[in-house]
Amino acid sequence: MSSSKRLVGLVVSDRPDKTVVVSVIRKVLHRRYKKYVNRRHKYYVHDAENRCKVGDRVEIEETRPVSKLKHFRLVKVLGDKQ
């Protein structure tokens, strides 16, 4: 099994066909103020079966490029927003 990057995020858009946009938040220590701040990044994720809807928590995995913007695929839906 390959060691590919796995992330957990929140689906913010499901408009494109077979694609969802997932927002992943990570906490980073600020260099000067030594306080944790949120950094957010949006990933385009391949969802072949259109399983996800806006508000779902999902696990995604890095994969070979599927299209110009999609480099992740859906692993599983973890549930609704909590």
C-alpha atoms as a PDB file:
ATOM      1  CA  MET A   1       0.000   0.000   0.000  1.00  0.00           C
ATOM      2  CA  SER A   2       1.398   3.378  -0.980  1.00  0.00           C
ATOM      3  CA  SER A   3       1.890   6.179   1.501  1.00  0.00           C
ATOM      4  CA  SER A   4      -0.279   8.910   0.052  1.00  0.00           C
ATOM      5  CA  LYS A   5      -1.492  12.017   1.824  1.00  0.00           C
ATOM      6  CA  ARG A   6      -4.880  11.657   3.531  1.00  0.00           C
ATOM      7  CA  LEU A   7      -6.862  14.642   4.776  1.00  0.00           C
ATOM      8  CA  VAL A   8     -10.215  15.232   6.465  1.00  0.00           C
ATOM      9  CA  GLY A   9     -12.328  18.214   5.456  1.00  0.00           C
ATOM     10  CA  LEU A  10     -15.746  19.682   4.862  1.00  0.00           C
ATOM     11  CA  VAL A  11     -17.570  19.704   1.512  1.00  0.00           C
ATOM     12  CA  VAL A  12     -18.267  23.333   0.542  1.00  0.00           C
ATOM     13  CA  SER A  13     -19.546  22.766  -3.020  1.00  0.00           C
ATOM     14  CA  ASP A  14     -20.964  19.839  -4.981  1.00  0.00           C
ATOM     15  CA  ARG A  15     -22.031  21.659  -8.137  1.00  0.00           C
ATOM     16  CA  PRO A  16     -19.618  20.180 -10.726  1.00  0.00           C
ATOM     17  CA  ASP A  17     -20.446  16.677 -11.967  1.00  0.00           C
ATOM     18  CA  LYS A  18     -18.320  13.964 -10.298  1.00  0.00           C
ATOM     19  CA  THR A  19     -16.422  16.648  -8.369  1.00  0.00           C
ATOM     20  CA  VAL A  20     -16.693  18.166  -4.896  1.00  0.00           C
ATOM     21  CA  VAL A  21     -14.780  21.055  -3.371  1.00  0.00           C
ATOM     22  CA  VAL A  22     -13.439  20.210   0.084  1.00  0.00           C
ATOM     23  CA  SER A  23     -12.166  22.789   2.572  1.00  0.00           C
ATOM     24  CA  VAL A  24      -9.408  21.488   4.859  1.00  0.00           C
ATOM     25  CA  ILE A  25      -8.467  23.506   7.943  1.00  0.00           C
ATOM     26  CA  ARG A  26      -5.111  23.067   9.674  1.00  0.00           C
ATOM     27  CA  LYS A  27      -3.732  24.814  12.737  1.00  0.00           C
ATOM     28  CA  VAL A  28      -0.354  26.533  12.400  1.00  0.00           C
ATOM     29  CA  LEU A  29       1.737  28.178  15.099  1.00  0.00           C
ATOM     30  CA  HIS A  30       2.237  31.891  14.368  1.00  0.00           C
ATOM     31  CA  ARG A  31       5.940  32.665  14.287  1.00  0.00           C
ATOM     32  CA  ARG A  32       5.832  35.957  16.154  1.00  0.00           C
ATOM     33  CA  TYR A  33       2.848  35.656  18.473  1.00  0.00           C
ATOM     34  CA  LYS A  34       3.201  31.952  19.288  1.00  0.00           C
ATOM     35  CA  LYS A  35      -0.528  31.497  18.889  1.00  0.00           C
ATOM     36  CA  TYR A  36      -2.296  28.890  16.775  1.00  0.00           C
ATOM     37  CA  VAL A  37      -4.153  30.242  13.751  1.00  0.00           C
ATOM     38  CA  ASN A  38      -6.346  28.427  11.224  1.00  0.00           C
ATOM     39  CA  ARG A  39      -5.116  27.978   7.664  1.00  0.00           C
ATOM     40  CA  ARG A  40      -7.684  26.893   5.104  1.00  0.00           C
ATOM     41  CA  HIS A  41      -7.141  25.299   1.701  1.00  0.00           C
ATOM     42  CA  LYS A  42      -9.719  24.141  -0.835  1.00  0.00           C
ATOM     43  CA  TYR A  43      -9.151  20.955  -2.799  1.00  0.00           C
ATOM     44  CA  TYR A  44     -11.021  19.689  -5.850  1.00  0.00           C
ATOM     45  CA  VAL A  45     -11.853  16.037  -5.223  1.00  0.00           C
ATOM     46  CA  HIS A  46     -12.985  13.333  -7.648  1.00  0.00           C
ATOM     47  CA  ASP A  47     -16.331  11.870  -6.515  1.00  0.00           C
ATOM     48  CA  ALA A  48     -17.263   9.399  -9.269  1.00  0.00           C
ATOM     49  CA  GLU A  49     -20.606   8.374  -7.736  1.00  0.00           C
ATOM     50  CA  ASN A  50     -21.720  11.882  -6.635  1.00  0.00           C
ATOM     51  CA  ARG A  51     -22.114  10.600  -3.046  1.00  0.00           C
ATOM     52  CA  CYS A  52     -21.316  13.853  -1.231  1.00  0.00           C
ATOM     53  CA  LYS A  53     -23.445  16.872  -0.510  1.00  0.00           C
ATOM     54  CA  VAL A  54     -22.605  20.251   0.988  1.00  0.00           C
ATOM     55  CA  GLY A  55     -21.848  19.991   4.709  1.00  0.00           C
ATOM     56  CA  ASP A  56     -20.512  16.410   4.722  1.00  0.00           C
ATOM     57  CA  ARG A  57     -17.254  15.599   6.486  1.00  0.00           C
ATOM     58  CA  VAL A  58     -15.107  13.497   4.156  1.00  0.00           C
ATOM     59  CA  GLU A  59     -11.742  11.791   4.034  1.00  0.00           C
ATOM     60  CA  ILE A  60      -9.749  12.396   0.838  1.00  0.00           C
ATOM     61  CA  GLU A  61      -6.569  10.878  -0.532  1.00  0.00           C
ATOM     62  CA  GLU A  62      -3.943  12.252  -2.887  1.00  0.00           C
ATOM     63  CA  THR A  63      -3.816  10.477  -6.236  1.00  0.00           C
ATOM     64  CA  ARG A  64      -2.566  10.928  -9.771  1.00  0.00           C
ATOM     65  CA  PRO A  65      -4.013  13.952 -11.588  1.00  0.00           C
ATOM     66  CA  VAL A  66      -7.560  13.290 -12.731  1.00  0.00           C
ATOM     67  CA  SER A  67      -7.918  16.666 -14.442  1.00  0.00           C
ATOM     68  CA  LYS A  68      -6.313  20.096 -14.420  1.00  0.00           C
ATOM     69  CA  LEU A  69      -7.396  20.867 -10.847  1.00  0.00           C
ATOM     70  CA  LYS A  70      -8.278  17.465  -9.369  1.00  0.00           C
ATOM     71  CA  HIS A  71      -5.450  15.630  -7.605  1.00  0.00           C
ATOM     72  CA  PHE A  72      -7.461  14.005  -4.804  1.00  0.00           C
ATOM     73  CA  ARG A  73     -10.091  11.289  -4.661  1.00  0.00           C
ATOM     74  CA  LEU A  74     -12.840  10.588  -2.152  1.00  0.00           C
ATOM     75  CA  VAL A  75     -12.057   7.789   0.300  1.00  0.00           C
ATOM     76  CA  LYS A  76     -15.156   7.854   2.499  1.00  0.00           C
ATOM     77  CA  VAL A  77     -17.928  10.049   3.819  1.00  0.00           C
ATOM     78  CA  LEU A  78     -17.567  10.460   7.582  1.00  0.00           C
ATOM     79  CA  GLY A  79     -21.000  12.000   8.139  1.00  0.00           C
ATOM     80  CA  ASP A  80     -22.826  15.293   8.332  1.00  0.00           C
ATOM     81  CA  LYS A  81     -21.408  18.511   9.736  1.00  0.00           C
ATOM     82  CA  GLN A  82     -21.223  18.297  13.530  1.00  0.00           C
END
